[in-house]
Amino acid sequence: MSTAPLSKADLRRQVRERLRAVPAEELSEWSQQIVQRLMARGDFWARPGTVSLFGGLRNEPDLITALLPWLRSRGWKTALFAMEGVELHAYEVTGDHDLERGSLGVWVPVISRCRPIPPEELTLILVPGLAFSHTDGARLGRGGGFYDRFLDLPAVKAARLGLCFEAQVLQEIPREPHDACVPTLITEQKERSWPAV
């Protein structure tokens, strides 16, 4: 007897429960390992550009504490997204003093003191997800579609790199035509790549 595949809502619930069971200290250690893997990829950072970061939730890697200042020291411009209506808009941030907690608990730029960055200026987008597929880089977001809409903009030509904990990697994620995928995914344990999507 075959079982029906889990819905996106079921998968979100499953992944959230899985992450809640992980002690904060372990998540912090995994986060540091992800940042170390990122820093070790010299090919990503050889030519400075503009990279968008994310963070602020307990179940996301911390890219602000160590990675943001490291990137700035290497000549990179760093950006975070603000939600304006149903769209994401990038703003340059130079440090944690340019950030505040948004309504969903994530770090967002303090718009009054940050420069807007047009989508075409981004060269690399570090993409969050509640889960990613092990087989093709399909992304399961938190349900608002913000990243899907942004990544689908014609002006967005930036490379995409997914980041999550290994506990968030699933065998398969149901995909709809508008759902974004990533060609590369880095966790605390390994890096995976798929053909360009």
N, C-alpha and C. Protein backbone atom coordinates (compact mmCIF):
# COMPACT_ATOMS: atom_id res chain seq x y z
N MET A 1 0.84 -1.18 0.00
CA MET A 1 0.00 0.00 0.00
C MET A 1 0.88 1.24 0.00
N SER A 2 0.72 2.11 -0.99
CA SER A 2 1.55 3.30 -1.05
C SER A 2 0.90 4.43 -0.25
N THR A 3 1.75 5.28 0.31
CA THR A 3 1.23 6.42 1.07
C THR A 3 1.34 7.66 0.21
N ALA A 4 0.39 8.55 0.39
CA ALA A 4 0.40 9.80 -0.38
C ALA A 4 1.57 10.66 0.06
N PRO A 5 2.19 11.39 -0.87
CA PRO A 5 3.30 12.27 -0.48
C PRO A 5 2.79 13.35 0.48
N LEU A 6 3.66 13.79 1.36
CA LEU A 6 3.29 14.82 2.33
C LEU A 6 3.08 16.16 1.64
N SER A 7 2.13 16.92 2.13
CA SER A 7 1.89 18.27 1.61
C SER A 7 2.98 19.21 2.11
N LYS A 8 3.05 20.40 1.50
CA LYS A 8 4.01 21.39 1.97
C LYS A 8 3.76 21.74 3.43
N ALA A 9 2.49 21.86 3.82
CA ALA A 9 2.16 22.18 5.21
C ALA A 9 2.66 21.09 6.15
N ASP A 10 2.48 19.82 5.75
CA ASP A 10 2.95 18.70 6.58
C ASP A 10 4.48 18.73 6.69
N LEU A 11 5.15 19.00 5.57
CA LEU A 11 6.61 19.05 5.58
C LEU A 11 7.11 20.19 6.47
N ARG A 12 6.45 21.35 6.38
CA ARG A 12 6.85 22.48 7.24
C ARG A 12 6.73 22.09 8.71
N ARG A 13 5.62 21.46 9.05
CA ARG A 13 5.41 21.05 10.44
C ARG A 13 6.49 20.05 10.87
N GLN A 14 6.78 19.09 10.01
CA GLN A 14 7.77 18.06 10.31
C GLN A 14 9.16 18.68 10.55
N VAL A 15 9.56 19.60 9.65
CA VAL A 15 10.89 20.20 9.78
C VAL A 15 10.97 21.08 11.02
N ARG A 16 9.92 21.85 11.28
CA ARG A 16 9.92 22.70 12.49
C ARG A 16 10.06 21.85 13.76
N GLU A 17 9.34 20.74 13.81
CA GLU A 17 9.43 19.86 14.97
C GLU A 17 10.83 19.27 15.10
N ARG A 18 11.41 18.89 13.97
CA ARG A 18 12.76 18.34 13.97
C ARG A 18 13.76 19.36 14.53
N LEU A 19 13.63 20.61 14.11
CA LEU A 19 14.57 21.64 14.54
C LEU A 19 14.34 22.04 16.01
N ARG A 20 13.09 22.02 16.44
CA ARG A 20 12.81 22.35 17.85
C ARG A 20 13.47 21.36 18.79
N ALA A 21 13.70 20.14 18.33
CA ALA A 21 14.31 19.11 19.17
C ALA A 21 15.82 19.26 19.29
N VAL A 22 16.41 20.16 18.50
CA VAL A 22 17.87 20.34 18.53
C VAL A 22 18.22 21.43 19.54
N PRO A 23 19.12 21.15 20.50
CA PRO A 23 19.51 22.17 21.47
C PRO A 23 20.12 23.39 20.78
N ALA A 24 19.90 24.58 21.36
CA ALA A 24 20.40 25.83 20.79
C ALA A 24 21.91 25.79 20.59
N GLU A 25 22.64 25.17 21.52
CA GLU A 25 24.11 25.12 21.41
C GLU A 25 24.54 24.33 20.17
N GLU A 26 23.78 23.28 19.87
CA GLU A 26 24.11 22.46 18.69
C GLU A 26 23.81 23.23 17.41
N LEU A 27 22.68 23.95 17.38
CA LEU A 27 22.36 24.77 16.21
C LEU A 27 23.44 25.83 16.00
N SER A 28 23.92 26.41 17.10
CA SER A 28 24.97 27.43 17.00
C SER A 28 26.26 26.83 16.43
N GLU A 29 26.60 25.63 16.87
CA GLU A 29 27.80 24.96 16.35
C GLU A 29 27.64 24.66 14.86
N TRP A 30 26.47 24.16 14.45
CA TRP A 30 26.21 23.90 13.03
C TRP A 30 26.33 25.18 12.23
N SER A 31 25.79 26.26 12.78
CA SER A 31 25.83 27.54 12.10
C SER A 31 27.27 27.98 11.84
N GLN A 32 28.12 27.84 12.86
CA GLN A 32 29.54 28.20 12.70
C GLN A 32 30.21 27.35 11.62
N GLN A 33 29.83 26.07 11.56
CA GLN A 33 30.42 25.19 10.54
C GLN A 33 29.99 25.61 9.14
N ILE A 34 28.74 26.04 8.99
CA ILE A 34 28.27 26.53 7.68
C ILE A 34 29.05 27.76 7.27
N VAL A 35 29.23 28.70 8.21
CA VAL A 35 29.97 29.93 7.90
C VAL A 35 31.42 29.59 7.53
N GLN A 36 32.03 28.64 8.24
CA GLN A 36 33.40 28.24 7.91
C GLN A 36 33.47 27.63 6.50
N ARG A 37 32.48 26.82 6.15
CA ARG A 37 32.44 26.25 4.79
C ARG A 37 32.34 27.36 3.75
N LEU A 38 31.49 28.35 4.04
CA LEU A 38 31.33 29.47 3.12
C LEU A 38 32.65 30.23 2.94
N MET A 39 33.29 30.54 4.05
CA MET A 39 34.54 31.30 4.00
C MET A 39 35.63 30.54 3.25
N ALA A 40 35.59 29.22 3.35
CA ALA A 40 36.62 28.39 2.71
C ALA A 40 36.47 28.36 1.19
N ARG A 41 35.30 28.76 0.67
CA ARG A 41 35.07 28.74 -0.77
C ARG A 41 35.62 30.02 -1.40
N GLY A 42 36.92 30.07 -1.56
CA GLY A 42 37.57 31.25 -2.12
C GLY A 42 37.05 31.65 -3.48
N ASP A 43 36.58 30.67 -4.27
CA ASP A 43 36.07 30.98 -5.61
C ASP A 43 34.82 31.86 -5.55
N PHE A 44 34.03 31.74 -4.49
CA PHE A 44 32.86 32.60 -4.35
C PHE A 44 33.25 34.06 -4.14
N TRP A 45 34.33 34.27 -3.41
CA TRP A 45 34.65 35.60 -2.89
C TRP A 45 35.81 36.28 -3.58
N ALA A 46 36.35 35.67 -4.66
CA ALA A 46 37.55 36.20 -5.31
C ALA A 46 37.33 37.60 -5.88
N ARG A 47 36.17 37.86 -6.48
CA ARG A 47 35.88 39.18 -7.06
C ARG A 47 34.73 39.80 -6.30
N PRO A 48 35.01 40.84 -5.51
CA PRO A 48 33.95 41.44 -4.69
C PRO A 48 32.77 41.92 -5.52
N GLY A 49 31.60 41.75 -4.94
CA GLY A 49 30.35 42.19 -5.55
C GLY A 49 29.39 42.57 -4.45
N THR A 50 28.12 42.25 -4.64
CA THR A 50 27.09 42.54 -3.64
C THR A 50 26.36 41.25 -3.32
N VAL A 51 26.34 40.88 -2.05
CA VAL A 51 25.73 39.63 -1.62
C VAL A 51 24.61 39.93 -0.63
N SER A 52 23.49 39.22 -0.79
CA SER A 52 22.40 39.36 0.18
C SER A 52 22.49 38.24 1.21
N LEU A 53 22.33 38.63 2.47
CA LEU A 53 22.36 37.70 3.59
C LEU A 53 20.95 37.57 4.16
N PHE A 54 20.80 36.71 5.14
CA PHE A 54 19.53 36.58 5.85
C PHE A 54 19.85 36.14 7.26
N GLY A 55 18.84 36.10 8.11
CA GLY A 55 19.06 35.56 9.45
C GLY A 55 18.14 36.16 10.49
N GLY A 56 18.32 35.66 11.69
CA GLY A 56 17.56 36.16 12.81
C GLY A 56 16.69 35.13 13.48
N LEU A 57 16.34 34.06 12.75
CA LEU A 57 15.51 33.02 13.35
C LEU A 57 16.39 31.96 14.00
N ARG A 58 15.87 31.33 15.03
CA ARG A 58 16.61 30.29 15.75
C ARG A 58 17.02 29.16 14.83
N ASN A 59 16.16 28.84 13.86
CA ASN A 59 16.43 27.68 13.00
C ASN A 59 17.10 28.06 11.69
N GLU A 60 17.78 29.22 11.66
CA GLU A 60 18.56 29.63 10.50
C GLU A 60 20.02 29.83 10.89
N PRO A 61 20.94 29.59 9.97
CA PRO A 61 22.34 29.89 10.26
C PRO A 61 22.53 31.37 10.57
N ASP A 62 23.45 31.67 11.48
CA ASP A 62 23.78 33.06 11.83
C ASP A 62 24.83 33.56 10.83
N LEU A 63 24.41 34.40 9.89
CA LEU A 63 25.32 34.95 8.89
C LEU A 63 25.76 36.36 9.25
N ILE A 64 25.24 36.90 10.34
CA ILE A 64 25.50 38.30 10.69
C ILE A 64 26.75 38.44 11.56
N THR A 65 26.89 37.60 12.57
CA THR A 65 27.95 37.77 13.56
C THR A 65 29.35 37.71 12.95
N ALA A 66 29.64 36.68 12.18
CA ALA A 66 30.99 36.51 11.65
C ALA A 66 31.09 36.76 10.14
N LEU A 67 30.10 36.30 9.38
CA LEU A 67 30.22 36.38 7.92
C LEU A 67 30.11 37.81 7.40
N LEU A 68 29.16 38.58 7.92
CA LEU A 68 28.97 39.95 7.42
C LEU A 68 30.25 40.79 7.55
N PRO A 69 30.87 40.87 8.75
CA PRO A 69 32.10 41.67 8.83
C PRO A 69 33.24 41.09 8.00
N TRP A 70 33.31 39.78 7.86
CA TRP A 70 34.35 39.14 7.06
C TRP A 70 34.19 39.55 5.60
N LEU A 71 32.97 39.52 5.10
CA LEU A 71 32.72 39.93 3.71
C LEU A 71 33.06 41.40 3.49
N ARG A 72 32.65 42.25 4.42
CA ARG A 72 32.96 43.68 4.30
C ARG A 72 34.47 43.90 4.25
N SER A 73 35.21 43.14 5.04
CA SER A 73 36.67 43.30 5.07
C SER A 73 37.32 42.86 3.76
N ARG A 74 36.60 42.06 2.98
CA ARG A 74 37.11 41.60 1.69
C ARG A 74 36.59 42.42 0.52
N GLY A 75 35.92 43.54 0.82
CA GLY A 75 35.48 44.44 -0.22
C GLY A 75 34.08 44.20 -0.75
N TRP A 76 33.36 43.27 -0.14
CA TRP A 76 31.99 42.97 -0.58
C TRP A 76 31.01 43.96 0.03
N LYS A 77 29.97 44.30 -0.74
CA LYS A 77 28.83 45.01 -0.20
C LYS A 77 27.85 43.94 0.29
N THR A 78 27.26 44.19 1.45
CA THR A 78 26.35 43.21 2.04
C THR A 78 24.96 43.82 2.16
N ALA A 79 23.95 43.00 1.85
CA ALA A 79 22.56 43.49 1.85
C ALA A 79 21.67 42.53 2.61
N LEU A 80 20.58 43.07 3.13
CA LEU A 80 19.50 42.27 3.67
C LEU A 80 18.21 42.78 3.06
N PHE A 81 17.19 41.92 3.09
CA PHE A 81 15.91 42.28 2.50
C PHE A 81 14.95 42.84 3.54
N ALA A 82 14.15 43.79 3.08
CA ALA A 82 13.00 44.27 3.85
C ALA A 82 11.75 43.88 3.08
N MET A 83 10.70 43.50 3.81
CA MET A 83 9.42 43.20 3.17
C MET A 83 8.63 44.50 3.06
N GLU A 84 8.25 44.81 1.85
CA GLU A 84 7.41 45.99 1.61
C GLU A 84 6.19 45.50 0.85
N GLY A 85 5.07 45.41 1.56
CA GLY A 85 3.89 44.78 0.98
C GLY A 85 4.16 43.29 0.82
N VAL A 86 4.06 42.79 -0.41
CA VAL A 86 4.34 41.38 -0.66
C VAL A 86 5.66 41.19 -1.41
N GLU A 87 6.49 42.24 -1.43
CA GLU A 87 7.75 42.17 -2.16
C GLU A 87 8.94 42.36 -1.24
N LEU A 88 10.06 41.76 -1.64
CA LEU A 88 11.33 41.96 -0.96
C LEU A 88 12.10 43.07 -1.67
N HIS A 89 12.75 43.92 -0.88
CA HIS A 89 13.62 44.97 -1.41
C HIS A 89 14.94 44.90 -0.65
N ALA A 90 16.05 44.94 -1.39
CA ALA A 90 17.37 44.83 -0.78
C ALA A 90 17.89 46.20 -0.37
N TYR A 91 18.58 46.22 0.79
CA TYR A 91 19.22 47.43 1.29
C TYR A 91 20.62 47.07 1.77
N GLU A 92 21.57 47.96 1.51
CA GLU A 92 22.93 47.71 1.96
C GLU A 92 23.04 47.90 3.46
N VAL A 93 23.66 46.93 4.12
CA VAL A 93 23.92 47.02 5.56
C VAL A 93 25.43 46.87 5.76
N THR A 94 25.97 47.66 6.67
CA THR A 94 27.41 47.62 6.90
C THR A 94 27.78 46.92 8.20
N GLY A 95 26.80 46.64 9.03
CA GLY A 95 27.03 45.95 10.29
C GLY A 95 25.72 45.75 11.02
N ASP A 96 25.79 45.12 12.21
CA ASP A 96 24.54 44.85 12.93
C ASP A 96 23.85 46.12 13.41
N HIS A 97 24.57 47.26 13.43
CA HIS A 97 23.95 48.53 13.81
C HIS A 97 22.93 48.99 12.77
N ASP A 98 22.97 48.42 11.57
CA ASP A 98 22.02 48.75 10.51
C ASP A 98 20.80 47.83 10.52
N LEU A 99 20.69 46.95 11.53
CA LEU A 99 19.64 45.94 11.55
C LEU A 99 18.71 46.08 12.74
N GLU A 100 17.48 45.61 12.53
CA GLU A 100 16.51 45.52 13.62
C GLU A 100 15.66 44.28 13.37
N ARG A 101 14.92 43.86 14.38
CA ARG A 101 14.04 42.71 14.23
C ARG A 101 12.77 43.12 13.49
N GLY A 102 12.43 42.39 12.43
CA GLY A 102 11.20 42.64 11.70
C GLY A 102 10.02 41.98 12.38
N SER A 103 8.86 42.13 11.80
CA SER A 103 7.63 41.61 12.40
C SER A 103 7.63 40.09 12.54
N LEU A 104 8.38 39.40 11.68
CA LEU A 104 8.43 37.94 11.75
C LEU A 104 9.62 37.44 12.57
N GLY A 105 10.38 38.36 13.17
CA GLY A 105 11.53 37.98 13.98
C GLY A 105 12.84 37.92 13.24
N VAL A 106 12.81 38.10 11.92
CA VAL A 106 14.05 38.05 11.15
C VAL A 106 14.76 39.41 11.21
N TRP A 107 16.06 39.41 10.92
CA TRP A 107 16.79 40.68 10.82
C TRP A 107 16.37 41.39 9.54
N VAL A 108 16.08 42.67 9.66
CA VAL A 108 15.76 43.50 8.50
C VAL A 108 16.57 44.78 8.59
N PRO A 109 16.85 45.42 7.45
CA PRO A 109 17.61 46.67 7.47
C PRO A 109 16.78 47.81 8.06
N VAL A 110 17.46 48.73 8.73
CA VAL A 110 16.82 49.97 9.18
C VAL A 110 16.79 50.87 7.94
N ILE A 111 15.66 50.91 7.27
CA ILE A 111 15.55 51.54 5.95
C ILE A 111 15.98 52.99 5.95
N SER A 112 15.72 53.69 7.06
CA SER A 112 16.03 55.12 7.10
C SER A 112 17.51 55.42 6.99
N ARG A 113 18.36 54.44 7.26
CA ARG A 113 19.80 54.71 7.15
C ARG A 113 20.54 53.76 6.22
N CYS A 114 19.80 53.02 5.41
CA CYS A 114 20.43 52.06 4.50
C CYS A 114 20.12 52.41 3.05
N ARG A 115 21.12 52.21 2.19
CA ARG A 115 20.96 52.51 0.76
C ARG A 115 20.20 51.38 0.07
N PRO A 116 19.14 51.72 -0.71
CA PRO A 116 18.46 50.68 -1.49
C PRO A 116 19.41 50.11 -2.55
N ILE A 117 19.30 48.81 -2.77
CA ILE A 117 20.11 48.14 -3.79
C ILE A 117 19.16 47.56 -4.84
N PRO A 118 19.28 48.01 -6.09
CA PRO A 118 18.40 47.45 -7.13
C PRO A 118 18.72 45.98 -7.36
N PRO A 119 17.73 45.18 -7.75
CA PRO A 119 17.94 43.73 -7.93
C PRO A 119 19.12 43.39 -8.84
N GLU A 120 19.31 44.20 -9.90
CA GLU A 120 20.38 43.88 -10.85
C GLU A 120 21.78 44.09 -10.28
N GLU A 121 21.89 44.78 -9.13
CA GLU A 121 23.21 44.99 -8.53
C GLU A 121 23.68 43.78 -7.73
N LEU A 122 22.77 42.92 -7.31
CA LEU A 122 23.15 41.75 -6.53
C LEU A 122 23.92 40.76 -7.41
N THR A 123 25.03 40.25 -6.88
CA THR A 123 25.80 39.25 -7.62
C THR A 123 25.66 37.85 -7.02
N LEU A 124 25.30 37.78 -5.73
CA LEU A 124 25.10 36.48 -5.06
C LEU A 124 23.98 36.64 -4.04
N ILE A 125 23.04 35.71 -4.07
CA ILE A 125 21.94 35.70 -3.11
C ILE A 125 22.06 34.43 -2.27
N LEU A 126 22.29 34.61 -0.95
CA LEU A 126 22.28 33.48 -0.03
C LEU A 126 20.81 33.25 0.32
N VAL A 127 20.31 32.10 -0.08
CA VAL A 127 18.86 31.84 -0.03
C VAL A 127 18.52 30.98 1.18
N PRO A 128 17.62 31.48 2.03
CA PRO A 128 17.16 30.67 3.16
C PRO A 128 16.04 29.74 2.71
N GLY A 129 15.74 28.77 3.53
CA GLY A 129 14.60 27.90 3.26
C GLY A 129 14.30 27.10 4.51
N LEU A 130 13.05 26.75 4.69
CA LEU A 130 12.72 25.88 5.81
C LEU A 130 13.24 24.48 5.52
N ALA A 131 13.30 24.13 4.22
CA ALA A 131 13.87 22.86 3.80
C ALA A 131 14.28 22.95 2.34
N PHE A 132 15.18 22.05 1.96
CA PHE A 132 15.61 21.94 0.56
C PHE A 132 15.60 20.45 0.19
N SER A 133 15.35 20.18 -1.08
CA SER A 133 15.35 18.81 -1.56
C SER A 133 16.77 18.32 -1.84
N HIS A 134 17.03 17.13 -1.39
CA HIS A 134 18.31 16.46 -1.60
C HIS A 134 18.52 16.12 -3.08
N THR A 135 17.42 15.95 -3.83
CA THR A 135 17.54 15.45 -5.19
C THR A 135 17.69 16.53 -6.26
N ASP A 136 17.12 17.74 -6.03
CA ASP A 136 17.18 18.74 -7.10
C ASP A 136 17.31 20.19 -6.63
N GLY A 137 17.51 20.41 -5.33
CA GLY A 137 17.67 21.77 -4.84
C GLY A 137 16.36 22.54 -4.72
N ALA A 138 15.21 21.85 -4.83
CA ALA A 138 13.93 22.53 -4.64
C ALA A 138 13.87 23.08 -3.23
N ARG A 139 13.25 24.25 -3.11
CA ARG A 139 13.21 24.97 -1.83
C ARG A 139 11.80 24.99 -1.28
N LEU A 140 11.69 24.74 0.02
CA LEU A 140 10.43 24.89 0.74
C LEU A 140 10.58 26.13 1.63
N GLY A 141 9.84 27.18 1.27
CA GLY A 141 9.89 28.40 2.07
C GLY A 141 8.95 28.32 3.26
N ARG A 142 8.71 29.46 3.86
CA ARG A 142 7.84 29.49 5.05
C ARG A 142 6.39 29.74 4.69
N GLY A 143 6.09 29.88 3.40
CA GLY A 143 4.71 29.97 2.98
C GLY A 143 4.26 31.31 2.43
N GLY A 144 5.12 32.33 2.49
CA GLY A 144 4.70 33.64 2.00
C GLY A 144 5.03 33.91 0.54
N GLY A 145 5.94 33.12 -0.03
CA GLY A 145 6.32 33.29 -1.43
C GLY A 145 7.20 34.49 -1.72
N PHE A 146 7.76 35.13 -0.68
CA PHE A 146 8.55 36.35 -0.88
C PHE A 146 9.79 36.08 -1.73
N TYR A 147 10.57 35.05 -1.37
CA TYR A 147 11.79 34.75 -2.13
C TYR A 147 11.45 34.25 -3.53
N ASP A 148 10.41 33.45 -3.66
CA ASP A 148 10.02 32.95 -4.99
C ASP A 148 9.74 34.13 -5.93
N ARG A 149 8.99 35.11 -5.43
CA ARG A 149 8.66 36.26 -6.28
C ARG A 149 9.91 37.07 -6.61
N PHE A 150 10.79 37.28 -5.62
CA PHE A 150 11.99 38.07 -5.87
C PHE A 150 12.91 37.36 -6.87
N LEU A 151 13.15 36.09 -6.67
CA LEU A 151 14.07 35.35 -7.54
C LEU A 151 13.53 35.23 -8.96
N ASP A 152 12.24 35.41 -9.14
CA ASP A 152 11.63 35.31 -10.45
C ASP A 152 11.67 36.64 -11.23
N LEU A 153 12.12 37.72 -10.57
CA LEU A 153 12.17 39.01 -11.26
C LEU A 153 13.18 38.95 -12.41
N PRO A 154 12.83 39.49 -13.59
CA PRO A 154 13.76 39.48 -14.72
C PRO A 154 15.08 40.18 -14.42
N ALA A 155 15.07 41.17 -13.53
CA ALA A 155 16.29 41.92 -13.22
C ALA A 155 17.27 41.12 -12.35
N VAL A 156 16.79 40.06 -11.74
CA VAL A 156 17.66 39.28 -10.84
C VAL A 156 18.50 38.31 -11.65
N LYS A 157 19.79 38.60 -11.74
CA LYS A 157 20.73 37.74 -12.48
C LYS A 157 21.75 37.09 -11.54
N ALA A 158 21.63 37.36 -10.25
CA ALA A 158 22.61 36.90 -9.26
C ALA A 158 22.65 35.38 -9.18
N ALA A 159 23.82 34.87 -8.83
CA ALA A 159 23.94 33.45 -8.50
C ALA A 159 23.17 33.19 -7.21
N ARG A 160 22.69 31.95 -7.06
CA ARG A 160 21.92 31.56 -5.88
C ARG A 160 22.65 30.46 -5.13
N LEU A 161 22.68 30.60 -3.82
CA LEU A 161 23.32 29.60 -2.97
C LEU A 161 22.42 29.35 -1.77
N GLY A 162 21.88 28.15 -1.66
CA GLY A 162 21.02 27.80 -0.53
C GLY A 162 21.85 27.43 0.69
N LEU A 163 21.35 27.83 1.86
CA LEU A 163 22.01 27.51 3.13
C LEU A 163 20.98 26.98 4.11
N CYS A 164 21.29 25.87 4.74
CA CYS A 164 20.41 25.35 5.79
C CYS A 164 21.19 24.31 6.59
N PHE A 165 20.56 23.81 7.64
CA PHE A 165 21.14 22.72 8.41
C PHE A 165 20.80 21.39 7.73
N GLU A 166 21.66 20.41 7.95
CA GLU A 166 21.44 19.09 7.33
C GLU A 166 20.08 18.51 7.73
N ALA A 167 19.62 18.83 8.92
CA ALA A 167 18.31 18.35 9.39
C ALA A 167 17.16 18.89 8.55
N GLN A 168 17.43 19.90 7.73
CA GLN A 168 16.40 20.51 6.88
C GLN A 168 16.44 19.99 5.44
N VAL A 169 17.32 19.04 5.17
CA VAL A 169 17.42 18.48 3.82
C VAL A 169 16.50 17.27 3.73
N LEU A 170 15.55 17.32 2.80
CA LEU A 170 14.57 16.25 2.62
C LEU A 170 14.80 15.54 1.29
N GLN A 171 14.29 14.34 1.18
CA GLN A 171 14.46 13.60 -0.06
C GLN A 171 13.76 14.31 -1.21
N GLU A 172 12.52 14.72 -0.97
CA GLU A 172 11.75 15.34 -2.05
C GLU A 172 10.82 16.40 -1.47
N ILE A 173 10.62 17.46 -2.25
CA ILE A 173 9.71 18.54 -1.87
C ILE A 173 8.75 18.76 -3.04
N PRO A 174 7.45 18.79 -2.78
CA PRO A 174 6.52 19.06 -3.88
C PRO A 174 6.79 20.42 -4.48
N ARG A 175 6.82 20.48 -5.81
CA ARG A 175 7.16 21.72 -6.51
C ARG A 175 6.04 22.19 -7.40
N GLU A 176 5.84 23.50 -7.38
CA GLU A 176 4.92 24.15 -8.31
C GLU A 176 5.77 25.00 -9.25
N PRO A 177 5.23 25.40 -10.41
CA PRO A 177 6.04 26.13 -11.40
C PRO A 177 6.73 27.38 -10.85
N HIS A 178 6.11 28.06 -9.87
CA HIS A 178 6.69 29.30 -9.36
C HIS A 178 7.74 29.06 -8.28
N ASP A 179 7.91 27.83 -7.81
CA ASP A 179 8.83 27.55 -6.71
C ASP A 179 10.28 27.64 -7.16
N ALA A 180 11.08 28.36 -6.40
CA ALA A 180 12.50 28.54 -6.72
C ALA A 180 13.30 27.30 -6.30
N CYS A 181 14.36 27.06 -7.05
CA CYS A 181 15.34 26.02 -6.71
C CYS A 181 16.70 26.71 -6.57
N VAL A 182 17.64 26.01 -5.97
CA VAL A 182 19.01 26.52 -5.91
C VAL A 182 19.93 25.52 -6.59
N PRO A 183 20.96 26.00 -7.31
CA PRO A 183 21.89 25.07 -7.95
C PRO A 183 22.93 24.51 -6.98
N THR A 184 23.11 25.18 -5.83
CA THR A 184 24.09 24.74 -4.84
C THR A 184 23.49 24.92 -3.45
N LEU A 185 23.75 23.94 -2.58
CA LEU A 185 23.27 23.98 -1.20
C LEU A 185 24.41 23.62 -0.28
N ILE A 186 24.61 24.44 0.76
CA ILE A 186 25.65 24.17 1.75
C ILE A 186 24.99 23.98 3.11
N THR A 187 25.36 22.88 3.78
CA THR A 187 24.95 22.63 5.16
C THR A 187 26.22 22.51 6.00
N GLU A 188 26.04 22.23 7.28
CA GLU A 188 27.21 22.06 8.15
C GLU A 188 28.00 20.81 7.80
N GLN A 189 27.38 19.88 7.06
CA GLN A 189 28.04 18.61 6.76
C GLN A 189 28.63 18.52 5.37
N LYS A 190 27.97 19.16 4.38
CA LYS A 190 28.43 18.96 3.00
C LYS A 190 27.90 20.04 2.07
N GLU A 191 28.37 19.96 0.85
CA GLU A 191 27.88 20.82 -0.23
C GLU A 191 27.29 19.92 -1.31
N ARG A 192 26.14 20.34 -1.84
CA ARG A 192 25.50 19.62 -2.93
C ARG A 192 25.30 20.57 -4.10
N SER A 193 25.40 20.05 -5.32
CA SER A 193 25.15 20.86 -6.51
C SER A 193 24.31 20.07 -7.49
N TRP A 194 23.53 20.83 -8.27
CA TRP A 194 22.68 20.25 -9.31
C TRP A 194 22.86 21.07 -10.57
N PRO A 195 22.41 20.57 -11.70
CA PRO A 195 22.47 21.36 -12.93
C PRO A 195 21.73 22.68 -12.73
N ALA A 196 22.13 23.69 -13.45
CA ALA A 196 21.52 25.02 -13.33
C ALA A 196 20.02 24.92 -13.49
N VAL A 197 19.30 25.66 -12.64
CA VAL A 197 17.84 25.62 -12.67
C VAL A 197 17.28 26.95 -13.10
